[in-house]
Amino acid sequence: MLHELRRYDVAAGKLPALLDRFGSFTVHKWKEYGFRLIGFWTPLLGEKSNQVVYIWGWESYEERTRKNAAWRADPERARKWAETEQDGPLVNRVYNQLMEPTPYSPLDRGEPYGPDPATRAPYLFELREYQAMPQKITNISDRFANFTCDAFRKHGFRQVGYWLNRIGGNDHQLVYMLAWESLDERVARFDGFAKDPERARVFAESEKQGPLVQQVTTTILRPTAFSPMR
C-alpha cells in the first residue's frame, strides 16, 4: 500500500467554496472511481490555515495513475470545475508526495487509534514531519521501531501512521500522524514523554555520533465533516 499526502494552498477567500466542492461533489465522485480517501483535514492554527490536507491510499503506483487519468477525463468534473471557478481558481498550488508505510505503522497493521468515531467527539490530528540529517533516516526509523512507538504508547499517545517518503519531497523524511482529544492533552502527553528518563538514555545513546533529526515540522489538523478519519 502507498499513501499519497496532498496539500492545497487555497486562493484567498476561497476555502469555504473549495470545501463545499469537495464535500458535495468530489469525494462522492472519488468513490465512484475507487479512490480510497483516508482522511481530510484543515489546519487548526497559524500560517497554514488557508490549506486543505488529505491522504489517499493506493495499492500501487499503477493504480494511482490509471484512476487519476479516468477522474481527470470525467466530463462532469470538467463542468463542475468550470461552474465553481467562474470568478477564478480555488487553488493556488498543489503539493503531493507518495509515502510508503513503515513496518510499525498502526494504520497499515489494522490497529485502531481510538474508539469508533460514532461514540466520541472528533479528534485533532497532528502531522509531524522529520527531516533527517544526511544518511540518518534509517537510524530515525529504527529508533521509532525499537523504542519511541512503545514509549509513546506508554505515555498515552494515539498513533495513527508512520511513513517514509518515496516520491515528491525527499527521501530523508519520516512522516507520522498522532491523534489528540485536545491541545491540552497533547501538551501533557509530550511533557511526560520529554521527562521520561528512559527517553533521555535512548536518545543520548542513539545520538553519540551527532543528532539524527535536522528539522521537525508539525501541523495540527481538524477533520472535515466528510473525512473518513475522525
Foldseek 3Di string as FASTA:
>chain_A
DKKKKKKFQWDPPLQVVVVCCCVVPVVVVCVVLPKAWQFKWAFDDDDRRNMIITMTDDPDPVSVVVSVVVVVPDVVVVVVQCVSAVVHHGTDDMAMFMWDFDPPFCQVVVHDLDPDCVVDPAWKKKKKKFQWDPPQQVLVVVCCVPPVVVLLVVLPWRWHTKTATDGGDDRRMIITMTTHRDVVSVVSSVVVSVPDVVNVVSLCVSAVVHHTTDDMDMTIIDTDPPTPHD
